[in-house]
Amino acid sequence: MKDIANNWKDLPVGGVIDEPGTAINYETGDWRTLRPVHNKEKCINCLACWVYCPDAAIMLKDGKVEGIDLKHCKGCGICAQECPPKVKAIKMVEEADFR
């Protein structure tokens, strides 16, 4: 029987992305309790939401906000917070309202 005290050495390191570019493989959108809803009519494409999104979940097309990648968005609300006060093109809505 293997010594239990040494088994911890066989465990992989947790909470670490050990290869570059692999984060896209992990869909983390199920963690959300709030969902960002983007209103294209109000959006002025200042890209503040894109700059500040920690999950790179703001999707752009031709330099304009196309939508939000809900597979990777964790619902932190930074995008809505950073949207200019006079614009407010992103609103956070309870995720339960969509299920």
PDB file of N, CA and C in Angstrom:
ATOM      1  N   MET A   1       0.842  -1.187   0.000  1.00  0.00           N
ATOM      2  CA  MET A   1       0.000   0.000   0.000  1.00  0.00           C
ATOM      3  C   MET A   1       0.886   1.250   0.000  1.00  0.00           C
ATOM      4  N   LYS A   2       0.522   2.174  -0.840  1.00  0.00           N
ATOM      5  CA  LYS A   2       1.295   3.394  -0.975  1.00  0.00           C
ATOM      6  C   LYS A   2       1.153   4.268   0.281  1.00  0.00           C
ATOM      7  N   ASP A   3       2.207   4.915   0.659  1.00  0.00           N
ATOM      8  CA  ASP A   3       2.198   5.784   1.822  1.00  0.00           C
ATOM      9  C   ASP A   3       1.257   6.963   1.581  1.00  0.00           C
ATOM     10  N   ILE A   4       0.250   7.131   2.448  1.00  0.00           N
ATOM     11  CA  ILE A   4      -0.751   8.193   2.296  1.00  0.00           C
ATOM     12  C   ILE A   4      -0.098   9.574   2.350  1.00  0.00           C
ATOM     13  N   ALA A   5       0.914   9.734   3.135  1.00  0.00           N
ATOM     14  CA  ALA A   5       1.572  11.034   3.274  1.00  0.00           C
ATOM     15  C   ALA A   5       2.170  11.520   1.963  1.00  0.00           C
ATOM     16  N   ASN A   6       2.487  10.626   1.042  1.00  0.00           N
ATOM     17  CA  ASN A   6       3.076  11.019  -0.238  1.00  0.00           C
ATOM     18  C   ASN A   6       2.053  11.129  -1.366  1.00  0.00           C
ATOM     19  N   ASN A   7       0.796  10.739  -1.125  1.00  0.00           N
ATOM     20  CA  ASN A   7      -0.224  10.782  -2.184  1.00  0.00           C
ATOM     21  C   ASN A   7      -0.505  12.190  -2.669  1.00  0.00           C
ATOM     22  N   TRP A   8      -0.327  13.188  -1.835  1.00  0.00           N
ATOM     23  CA  TRP A   8      -0.596  14.559  -2.252  1.00  0.00           C
ATOM     24  C   TRP A   8       0.300  14.979  -3.405  1.00  0.00           C
ATOM     25  N   LYS A   9       1.459  14.350  -3.524  1.00  0.00           N
ATOM     26  CA  LYS A   9       2.381  14.690  -4.611  1.00  0.00           C
ATOM     27  C   LYS A   9       1.848  14.236  -5.967  1.00  0.00           C
ATOM     28  N   ASP A  10       0.935  13.276  -5.964  1.00  0.00           N
ATOM     29  CA  ASP A  10       0.371  12.752  -7.201  1.00  0.00           C
ATOM     30  C   ASP A  10      -0.810  13.581  -7.718  1.00  0.00           C
ATOM     31  N   LEU A  11      -1.315  14.491  -6.882  1.00  0.00           N
ATOM     32  CA  LEU A  11      -2.455  15.311  -7.279  1.00  0.00           C
ATOM     33  C   LEU A  11      -2.015  16.427  -8.227  1.00  0.00           C
ATOM     34  N   PRO A  12      -2.819  16.692  -9.268  1.00  0.00           N
ATOM     35  CA  PRO A  12      -2.485  17.819 -10.151  1.00  0.00           C
ATOM     36  C   PRO A  12      -2.743  19.133  -9.420  1.00  0.00           C
ATOM     37  N   VAL A  13      -2.053  20.175  -9.823  1.00  0.00           N
ATOM     38  CA  VAL A  13      -2.246  21.484  -9.235  1.00  0.00           C
ATOM     39  C   VAL A  13      -3.631  21.980  -9.647  1.00  0.00           C
ATOM     40  N   GLY A  14      -4.421  22.468  -8.698  1.00  0.00           N
ATOM     41  CA  GLY A  14      -5.780  22.926  -8.977  1.00  0.00           C
ATOM     42  C   GLY A  14      -5.834  24.432  -9.155  1.00  0.00           C
ATOM     43  N   GLY A  15      -6.849  24.899  -9.883  1.00  0.00           N
ATOM     44  CA  GLY A  15      -7.057  26.327 -10.055  1.00  0.00           C
ATOM     45  C   GLY A  15      -5.998  27.010 -10.895  1.00  0.00           C
ATOM     46  N   VAL A  16      -5.312  26.253 -11.727  1.00  0.00           N
ATOM     47  CA  VAL A  16      -4.234  26.807 -12.528  1.00  0.00           C
ATOM     48  C   VAL A  16      -4.453  26.427 -13.990  1.00  0.00           C
ATOM     49  N   ILE A  17      -4.326  27.386 -14.858  1.00  0.00           N
ATOM     50  CA  ILE A  17      -4.350  27.102 -16.290  1.00  0.00           C
ATOM     51  C   ILE A  17      -2.892  26.955 -16.691  1.00  0.00           C
ATOM     52  N   ASP A  18      -2.487  25.712 -16.894  1.00  0.00           N
ATOM     53  CA  ASP A  18      -1.064  25.435 -17.110  1.00  0.00           C
ATOM     54  C   ASP A  18      -0.623  25.494 -18.571  1.00  0.00           C
ATOM     55  N   GLU A  19      -1.570  25.681 -19.481  1.00  0.00           N
ATOM     56  CA  GLU A  19      -1.227  25.836 -20.892  1.00  0.00           C
ATOM     57  C   GLU A  19      -1.883  27.112 -21.409  1.00  0.00           C
ATOM     58  N   PRO A  20      -1.171  27.928 -22.155  1.00  0.00           N
ATOM     59  CA  PRO A  20      -1.776  29.150 -22.681  1.00  0.00           C
ATOM     60  C   PRO A  20      -2.892  28.835 -23.678  1.00  0.00           C
ATOM     61  N   GLY A  21      -3.921  29.652 -23.639  1.00  0.00           N
ATOM     62  CA  GLY A  21      -5.009  29.517 -24.609  1.00  0.00           C
ATOM     63  C   GLY A  21      -6.012  28.431 -24.303  1.00  0.00           C
ATOM     64  N   THR A  22      -5.968  27.825 -23.116  1.00  0.00           N
ATOM     65  CA  THR A  22      -6.903  26.745 -22.820  1.00  0.00           C
ATOM     66  C   THR A  22      -8.158  27.213 -22.101  1.00  0.00           C
ATOM     67  N   ALA A  23      -8.193  28.447 -21.602  1.00  0.00           N
ATOM     68  CA  ALA A  23      -9.353  28.924 -20.846  1.00  0.00           C
ATOM     69  C   ALA A  23     -10.627  28.900 -21.690  1.00  0.00           C
ATOM     70  N   ILE A  24     -10.502  29.057 -22.983  1.00  0.00           N
ATOM     71  CA  ILE A  24     -11.680  29.055 -23.855  1.00  0.00           C
ATOM     72  C   ILE A  24     -12.381  27.693 -23.850  1.00  0.00           C
ATOM     73  N   ASN A  25     -11.652  26.651 -23.456  1.00  0.00           N
ATOM     74  CA  ASN A  25     -12.225  25.310 -23.416  1.00  0.00           C
ATOM     75  C   ASN A  25     -13.153  25.093 -22.229  1.00  0.00           C
ATOM     76  N   TYR A  26     -13.134  25.992 -21.246  1.00  0.00           N
ATOM     77  CA  TYR A  26     -13.921  25.828 -20.039  1.00  0.00           C
ATOM     78  C   TYR A  26     -15.104  26.786 -20.057  1.00  0.00           C
ATOM     79  N   GLU A  27     -16.290  26.225 -20.227  1.00  0.00           N
ATOM     80  CA  GLU A  27     -17.499  27.037 -20.247  1.00  0.00           C
ATOM     81  C   GLU A  27     -17.950  27.264 -18.805  1.00  0.00           C
ATOM     82  N   THR A  28     -17.856  28.500 -18.365  1.00  0.00           N
ATOM     83  CA  THR A  28     -18.114  28.830 -16.962  1.00  0.00           C
ATOM     84  C   THR A  28     -19.375  29.665 -16.773  1.00  0.00           C
ATOM     85  N   GLY A  29     -20.168  29.835 -17.808  1.00  0.00           N
ATOM     86  CA  GLY A  29     -21.363  30.665 -17.730  1.00  0.00           C
ATOM     87  C   GLY A  29     -22.436  30.143 -16.793  1.00  0.00           C
ATOM     88  N   ASP A  30     -22.380  28.874 -16.433  1.00  0.00           N
ATOM     89  CA  ASP A  30     -23.381  28.307 -15.531  1.00  0.00           C
ATOM     90  C   ASP A  30     -23.254  28.833 -14.106  1.00  0.00           C
ATOM     91  N   TRP A  31     -22.217  29.569 -13.810  1.00  0.00           N
ATOM     92  CA  TRP A  31     -22.000  30.111 -12.468  1.00  0.00           C
ATOM     93  C   TRP A  31     -22.861  31.338 -12.212  1.00  0.00           C
ATOM     94  N   ARG A  32     -23.419  31.911 -13.264  1.00  0.00           N
ATOM     95  CA  ARG A  32     -24.110  33.197 -13.165  1.00  0.00           C
ATOM     96  C   ARG A  32     -25.379  33.145 -12.328  1.00  0.00           C
ATOM     97  N   THR A  33     -25.641  34.228 -11.602  1.00  0.00           N
ATOM     98  CA  THR A  33     -26.951  34.462 -11.007  1.00  0.00           C
ATOM     99  C   THR A  33     -27.607  35.671 -11.680  1.00  0.00           C
ATOM    100  N   LEU A  34     -26.783  36.522 -12.284  1.00  0.00           N
ATOM    101  CA  LEU A  34     -27.269  37.659 -13.052  1.00  0.00           C
ATOM    102  C   LEU A  34     -26.742  37.564 -14.473  1.00  0.00           C
ATOM    103  N   ARG A  35     -27.585  37.910 -15.441  1.00  0.00           N
ATOM    104  CA  ARG A  35     -27.207  37.843 -16.857  1.00  0.00           C
ATOM    105  C   ARG A  35     -27.198  39.250 -17.447  1.00  0.00           C
ATOM    106  N   PRO A  36     -26.115  39.591 -18.176  1.00  0.00           N
ATOM    107  CA  PRO A  36     -26.113  40.885 -18.851  1.00  0.00           C
ATOM    108  C   PRO A  36     -26.970  40.824 -20.118  1.00  0.00           C
ATOM    109  N   VAL A  37     -27.816  41.809 -20.275  1.00  0.00           N
ATOM    110  CA  VAL A  37     -28.648  41.913 -21.477  1.00  0.00           C
ATOM    111  C   VAL A  37     -28.226  43.187 -22.197  1.00  0.00           C
ATOM    112  N   HIS A  38     -27.755  43.018 -23.428  1.00  0.00           N
ATOM    113  CA  HIS A  38     -27.220  44.128 -24.219  1.00  0.00           C
ATOM    114  C   HIS A  38     -28.302  44.683 -25.141  1.00  0.00           C
ATOM    115  N   ASN A  39     -28.492  45.989 -25.106  1.00  0.00           N
ATOM    116  CA  ASN A  39     -29.459  46.669 -25.965  1.00  0.00           C
ATOM    117  C   ASN A  39     -28.692  47.367 -27.089  1.00  0.00           C
ATOM    118  N   LYS A  40     -28.721  46.779 -28.284  1.00  0.00           N
ATOM    119  CA  LYS A  40     -27.975  47.323 -29.429  1.00  0.00           C
ATOM    120  C   LYS A  40     -28.474  48.711 -29.829  1.00  0.00           C
ATOM    121  N   GLU A  41     -29.738  48.991 -29.568  1.00  0.00           N
ATOM    122  CA  GLU A  41     -30.307  50.290 -29.934  1.00  0.00           C
ATOM    123  C   GLU A  41     -29.682  51.417 -29.115  1.00  0.00           C
ATOM    124  N   LYS A  42     -29.405  51.165 -27.855  1.00  0.00           N
ATOM    125  CA  LYS A  42     -28.824  52.178 -26.973  1.00  0.00           C
ATOM    126  C   LYS A  42     -27.304  52.261 -27.086  1.00  0.00           C
ATOM    127  N   CYS A  43     -26.666  51.168 -27.474  1.00  0.00           N
ATOM    128  CA  CYS A  43     -25.200  51.053 -27.455  1.00  0.00           C
ATOM    129  C   CYS A  43     -24.531  52.076 -28.384  1.00  0.00           C
ATOM    130  N   ILE A  44     -23.529  52.773 -27.862  1.00  0.00           N
ATOM    131  CA  ILE A  44     -22.773  53.746 -28.673  1.00  0.00           C
ATOM    132  C   ILE A  44     -21.410  53.171 -29.092  1.00  0.00           C
ATOM    133  N   ASN A  45     -21.169  51.903 -28.775  1.00  0.00           N
ATOM    134  CA  ASN A  45     -19.938  51.197 -29.139  1.00  0.00           C
ATOM    135  C   ASN A  45     -18.676  51.900 -28.641  1.00  0.00           C
ATOM    136  N   CYS A  46     -18.725  52.342 -27.406  1.00  0.00           N
ATOM    137  CA  CYS A  46     -17.543  52.958 -26.793  1.00  0.00           C
ATOM    138  C   CYS A  46     -16.520  51.888 -26.399  1.00  0.00           C
ATOM    139  N   LEU A  47     -16.974  50.638 -26.309  1.00  0.00           N
ATOM    140  CA  LEU A  47     -16.170  49.458 -26.006  1.00  0.00           C
ATOM    141  C   LEU A  47     -15.653  49.400 -24.567  1.00  0.00           C
ATOM    142  N   ALA A  48     -16.192  50.229 -23.680  1.00  0.00           N
ATOM    143  CA  ALA A  48     -15.793  50.164 -22.269  1.00  0.00           C
ATOM    144  C   ALA A  48     -16.101  48.781 -21.699  1.00  0.00           C
ATOM    145  N   CYS A  49     -17.234  48.208 -22.067  1.00  0.00           N
ATOM    146  CA  CYS A  49     -17.600  46.873 -21.579  1.00  0.00           C
ATOM    147  C   CYS A  49     -16.559  45.844 -22.019  1.00  0.00           C
ATOM    148  N   TRP A  50     -16.122  45.942 -23.245  1.00  0.00           N
ATOM    149  CA  TRP A  50     -15.134  45.013 -23.795  1.00  0.00           C
ATOM    150  C   TRP A  50     -13.787  45.161 -23.092  1.00  0.00           C
ATOM    151  N   VAL A  51     -13.378  46.394 -22.828  1.00  0.00           N
ATOM    152  CA  VAL A  51     -12.098  46.658 -22.179  1.00  0.00           C
ATOM    153  C   VAL A  51     -12.078  46.082 -20.768  1.00  0.00           C
ATOM    154  N   TYR A  52     -13.151  46.255 -20.011  1.00  0.00           N
ATOM    155  CA  TYR A  52     -13.155  45.886 -18.597  1.00  0.00           C
ATOM    156  C   TYR A  52     -13.642  44.474 -18.297  1.00  0.00           C
ATOM    157  N   CYS A  53     -14.238  43.782 -19.255  1.00  0.00           N
ATOM    158  CA  CYS A  53     -14.751  42.428 -19.002  1.00  0.00           C
ATOM    159  C   CYS A  53     -13.607  41.475 -18.645  1.00  0.00           C
ATOM    160  N   PRO A  54     -13.612  40.916 -17.422  1.00  0.00           N
ATOM    161  CA  PRO A  54     -12.535  40.020 -17.017  1.00  0.00           C
ATOM    162  C   PRO A  54     -12.584  38.654 -17.692  1.00  0.00           C
ATOM    163  N   ASP A  55     -13.701  38.330 -18.337  1.00  0.00           N
ATOM    164  CA  ASP A  55     -13.855  37.024 -18.973  1.00  0.00           C
ATOM    165  C   ASP A  55     -13.769  37.081 -20.486  1.00  0.00           C
ATOM    166  N   ALA A  56     -13.485  38.248 -21.050  1.00  0.00           N
ATOM    167  CA  ALA A  56     -13.446  38.434 -22.502  1.00  0.00           C
ATOM    168  C   ALA A  56     -14.730  37.905 -23.143  1.00  0.00           C
ATOM    169  N   ALA A  57     -15.859  38.182 -22.496  1.00  0.00           N
ATOM    170  CA  ALA A  57     -17.146  37.679 -22.955  1.00  0.00           C
ATOM    171  C   ALA A  57     -17.891  38.651 -23.870  1.00  0.00           C
ATOM    172  N   ILE A  58     -17.366  39.849 -24.053  1.00  0.00           N
ATOM    173  CA  ILE A  58     -18.012  40.811 -24.958  1.00  0.00           C
ATOM    174  C   ILE A  58     -17.540  40.504 -26.375  1.00  0.00           C
ATOM    175  N   MET A  59     -18.492  40.192 -27.245  1.00  0.00           N
ATOM    176  CA  MET A  59     -18.157  39.808 -28.621  1.00  0.00           C
ATOM    177  C   MET A  59     -18.240  41.030 -29.531  1.00  0.00           C
ATOM    178  N   LEU A  60     -17.192  41.212 -30.323  1.00  0.00           N
ATOM    179  CA  LEU A  60     -17.135  42.329 -31.269  1.00  0.00           C
ATOM    180  C   LEU A  60     -17.186  41.824 -32.704  1.00  0.00           C
ATOM    181  N   LYS A  61     -17.744  42.655 -33.563  1.00  0.00           N
ATOM    182  CA  LYS A  61     -17.725  42.386 -35.004  1.00  0.00           C
ATOM    183  C   LYS A  61     -17.562  43.730 -35.683  1.00  0.00           C
ATOM    184  N   ASP A  62     -16.513  43.864 -36.472  1.00  0.00           N
ATOM    185  CA  ASP A  62     -16.212  45.114 -37.170  1.00  0.00           C
ATOM    186  C   ASP A  62     -16.115  46.303 -36.208  1.00  0.00           C
ATOM    187  N   GLY A  63     -15.529  46.062 -35.035  1.00  0.00           N
ATOM    188  CA  GLY A  63     -15.316  47.128 -34.063  1.00  0.00           C
ATOM    189  C   GLY A  63     -16.549  47.558 -33.292  1.00  0.00           C
ATOM    190  N   LYS A  64     -17.615  46.771 -33.379  1.00  0.00           N
ATOM    191  CA  LYS A  64     -18.857  47.082 -32.659  1.00  0.00           C
ATOM    192  C   LYS A  64     -19.256  45.899 -31.796  1.00  0.00           C
ATOM    193  N   VAL A  65     -19.937  46.211 -30.688  1.00  0.00           N
ATOM    194  CA  VAL A  65     -20.397  45.149 -29.789  1.00  0.00           C
ATOM    195  C   VAL A  65     -21.488  44.355 -30.493  1.00  0.00           C
ATOM    196  N   GLU A  66     -21.223  43.070 -30.664  1.00  0.00           N
ATOM    197  CA  GLU A  66     -22.155  42.175 -31.343  1.00  0.00           C
ATOM    198  C   GLU A  66     -23.069  41.469 -30.342  1.00  0.00           C
ATOM    199  N   GLY A  67     -22.549  41.237 -29.158  1.00  0.00           N
ATOM    200  CA  GLY A  67     -23.326  40.524 -28.146  1.00  0.00           C
ATOM    201  C   GLY A  67     -22.430  40.090 -27.000  1.00  0.00           C
ATOM    202  N   ILE A  68     -22.945  39.179 -26.186  1.00  0.00           N
ATOM    203  CA  ILE A  68     -22.217  38.701 -25.019  1.00  0.00           C
ATOM    204  C   ILE A  68     -22.144  37.187 -25.082  1.00  0.00           C
ATOM    205  N   ASP A  69     -20.947  36.661 -24.928  1.00  0.00           N
ATOM    206  CA  ASP A  69     -20.711  35.220 -24.935  1.00  0.00           C
ATOM    207  C   ASP A  69     -21.148  34.655 -23.582  1.00  0.00           C
ATOM    208  N   LEU A  70     -22.375  34.156 -23.526  1.00  0.00           N
ATOM    209  CA  LEU A  70     -22.932  33.686 -22.256  1.00  0.00           C
ATOM    210  C   LEU A  70     -22.324  32.369 -21.789  1.00  0.00           C
ATOM    211  N   LYS A  71     -21.603  31.681 -22.650  1.00  0.00           N
ATOM    212  CA  LYS A  71     -20.924  30.448 -22.223  1.00  0.00           C
ATOM    213  C   LYS A  71     -19.757  30.762 -21.294  1.00  0.00           C
ATOM    214  N   HIS A  72     -19.200  31.971 -21.396  1.00  0.00           N
ATOM    215  CA  HIS A  72     -18.040  32.337 -20.581  1.00  0.00           C
ATOM    216  C   HIS A  72     -18.318  33.461 -19.588  1.00  0.00           C
ATOM    217  N   CYS A  73     -19.428  34.155 -19.735  1.00  0.00           N
ATOM    218  CA  CYS A  73     -19.777  35.252 -18.824  1.00  0.00           C
ATOM    219  C   CYS A  73     -20.198  34.686 -17.473  1.00  0.00           C
ATOM    220  N   LYS A  74     -19.595  35.208 -16.415  1.00  0.00           N
ATOM    221  CA  LYS A  74     -19.921  34.749 -15.061  1.00  0.00           C
ATOM    222  C   LYS A  74     -20.906  35.677 -14.359  1.00  0.00           C
ATOM    223  N   GLY A  75     -21.343  36.750 -15.023  1.00  0.00           N
ATOM    224  CA  GLY A  75     -22.368  37.622 -14.475  1.00  0.00           C
ATOM    225  C   GLY A  75     -21.892  38.598 -13.420  1.00  0.00           C
ATOM    226  N   CYS A  76     -20.648  39.024 -13.505  1.00  0.00           N
ATOM    227  CA  CYS A  76     -20.089  39.930 -12.489  1.00  0.00           C
ATOM    228  C   CYS A  76     -20.699  41.320 -12.555  1.00  0.00           C
ATOM    229  N   GLY A  77     -21.183  41.744 -13.718  1.00  0.00           N
ATOM    230  CA  GLY A  77     -21.823  43.044 -13.863  1.00  0.00           C
ATOM    231  C   GLY A  77     -20.883  44.205 -14.150  1.00  0.00           C
ATOM    232  N   ILE A  78     -19.596  43.910 -14.325  1.00  0.00           N
ATOM    233  CA  ILE A  78     -18.641  44.983 -14.618  1.00  0.00           C
ATOM    234  C   ILE A  78     -19.005  45.675 -15.932  1.00  0.00           C
ATOM    235  N   CYS A  79     -19.444  44.919 -16.910  1.00  0.00           N
ATOM    236  CA  CYS A  79     -19.807  45.511 -18.203  1.00  0.00           C
ATOM    237  C   CYS A  79     -20.922  46.539 -18.028  1.00  0.00           C
ATOM    238  N   ALA A  80     -21.943  46.204 -17.251  1.00  0.00           N
ATOM    239  CA  ALA A  80     -23.060  47.115 -17.019  1.00  0.00           C
ATOM    240  C   ALA A  80     -22.610  48.334 -16.218  1.00  0.00           C
ATOM    241  N   GLN A  81     -21.713  48.101 -15.265  1.00  0.00           N
ATOM    242  CA  GLN A  81     -21.209  49.194 -14.431  1.00  0.00           C
ATOM    243  C   GLN A  81     -20.373  50.182 -15.253  1.00  0.00           C
ATOM    244  N   GLU A  82     -19.601  49.672 -16.201  1.00  0.00           N
ATOM    245  CA  GLU A  82     -18.710  50.517 -16.995  1.00  0.00           C
ATOM    246  C   GLU A  82     -19.388  51.185 -18.184  1.00  0.00           C
ATOM    247  N   CYS A  83     -20.575  50.733 -18.541  1.00  0.00           N
ATOM    248  CA  CYS A  83     -21.323  51.372 -19.620  1.00  0.00           C
ATOM    249  C   CYS A  83     -21.640  52.800 -19.168  1.00  0.00           C
ATOM    250  N   PRO A  84     -21.401  53.807 -20.020  1.00  0.00           N
ATOM    251  CA  PRO A  84     -21.613  55.199 -19.608  1.00  0.00           C
ATOM    252  C   PRO A  84     -23.001  55.429 -18.995  1.00  0.00           C
ATOM    253  N   PRO A  85     -23.058  56.220 -17.923  1.00  0.00           N
ATOM    254  CA  PRO A  85     -24.330  56.450 -17.206  1.00  0.00           C
ATOM    255  C   PRO A  85     -25.471  56.958 -18.090  1.00  0.00           C
ATOM    256  N   LYS A  86     -25.156  57.767 -19.101  1.00  0.00           N
ATOM    257  CA  LYS A  86     -26.218  58.295 -19.962  1.00  0.00           C
ATOM    258  C   LYS A  86     -26.660  57.289 -21.019  1.00  0.00           C
ATOM    259  N   VAL A  87     -25.914  56.180 -21.151  1.00  0.00           N
ATOM    260  CA  VAL A  87     -26.218  55.178 -22.170  1.00  0.00           C
ATOM    261  C   VAL A  87     -26.930  53.976 -21.554  1.00  0.00           C
ATOM    262  N   LYS A  88     -26.285  53.339 -20.621  1.00  0.00           N
ATOM    263  CA  LYS A  88     -26.797  52.148 -19.935  1.00  0.00           C
ATOM    264  C   LYS A  88     -27.382  51.129 -20.915  1.00  0.00           C
ATOM    265  N   ALA A  89     -26.543  50.680 -21.851  1.00  0.00           N
ATOM    266  CA  ALA A  89     -26.969  49.718 -22.865  1.00  0.00           C
ATOM    267  C   ALA A  89     -26.901  48.277 -22.374  1.00  0.00           C
ATOM    268  N   ILE A  90     -26.357  48.068 -21.173  1.00  0.00           N
ATOM    269  CA  ILE A  90     -26.295  46.715 -20.602  1.00  0.00           C
ATOM    270  C   ILE A  90     -26.998  46.740 -19.261  1.00  0.00           C
ATOM    271  N   LYS A  91     -27.951  45.828 -19.118  1.00  0.00           N
ATOM    272  CA  LYS A  91     -28.723  45.728 -17.888  1.00  0.00           C
ATOM    273  C   LYS A  91     -28.534  44.319 -17.323  1.00  0.00           C
ATOM    274  N   MET A  92     -28.327  44.214 -16.025  1.00  0.00           N
ATOM    275  CA  MET A  92     -28.188  42.914 -15.376  1.00  0.00           C
ATOM    276  C   MET A  92     -29.573  42.435 -14.945  1.00  0.00           C
ATOM    277  N   VAL A  93     -29.905  41.196 -15.345  1.00  0.00           N
ATOM    278  CA  VAL A  93     -31.216  40.621 -15.082  1.00  0.00           C
ATOM    279  C   VAL A  93     -31.026  39.277 -14.378  1.00  0.00           C
ATOM    280  N   GLU A  94     -31.922  38.947 -13.466  1.00  0.00           N
ATOM    281  CA  GLU A  94     -31.847  37.662 -12.769  1.00  0.00           C
ATOM    282  C   GLU A  94     -31.795  36.514 -13.782  1.00  0.00           C
ATOM    283  N   GLU A  95     -30.824  35.626 -13.630  1.00  0.00           N
ATOM    284  CA  GLU A  95     -30.677  34.487 -14.531  1.00  0.00           C
ATOM    285  C   GLU A  95     -31.908  33.589 -14.476  1.00  0.00           C
ATOM    286  N   ALA A  96     -32.520  33.496 -13.320  1.00  0.00           N
ATOM    287  CA  ALA A  96     -33.710  32.641 -13.170  1.00  0.00           C
ATOM    288  C   ALA A  96     -34.841  33.074 -14.093  1.00  0.00           C
ATOM    289  N   ASP A  97     -34.880  34.330 -14.486  1.00  0.00           N
ATOM    290  CA  ASP A  97     -35.919  34.820 -15.393  1.00  0.00           C
ATOM    291  C   ASP A  97     -35.785  34.227 -16.794  1.00  0.00           C
ATOM    292  N   PHE A  98     -34.629  33.651 -17.109  1.00  0.00           N
ATOM    293  CA  PHE A  98     -34.385  33.079 -18.438  1.00  0.00           C
ATOM    294  C   PHE A  98     -34.537  31.563 -18.476  1.00  0.00           C
ATOM    295  N   ARG A  99     -34.701  30.952 -17.328  1.00  0.00           N
ATOM    296  CA  ARG A  99     -34.756  29.473 -17.281  1.00  0.00           C
ATOM    297  C   ARG A  99     -36.150  28.954 -17.146  1.00  0.00           C
TER     298      ARG A  99
END
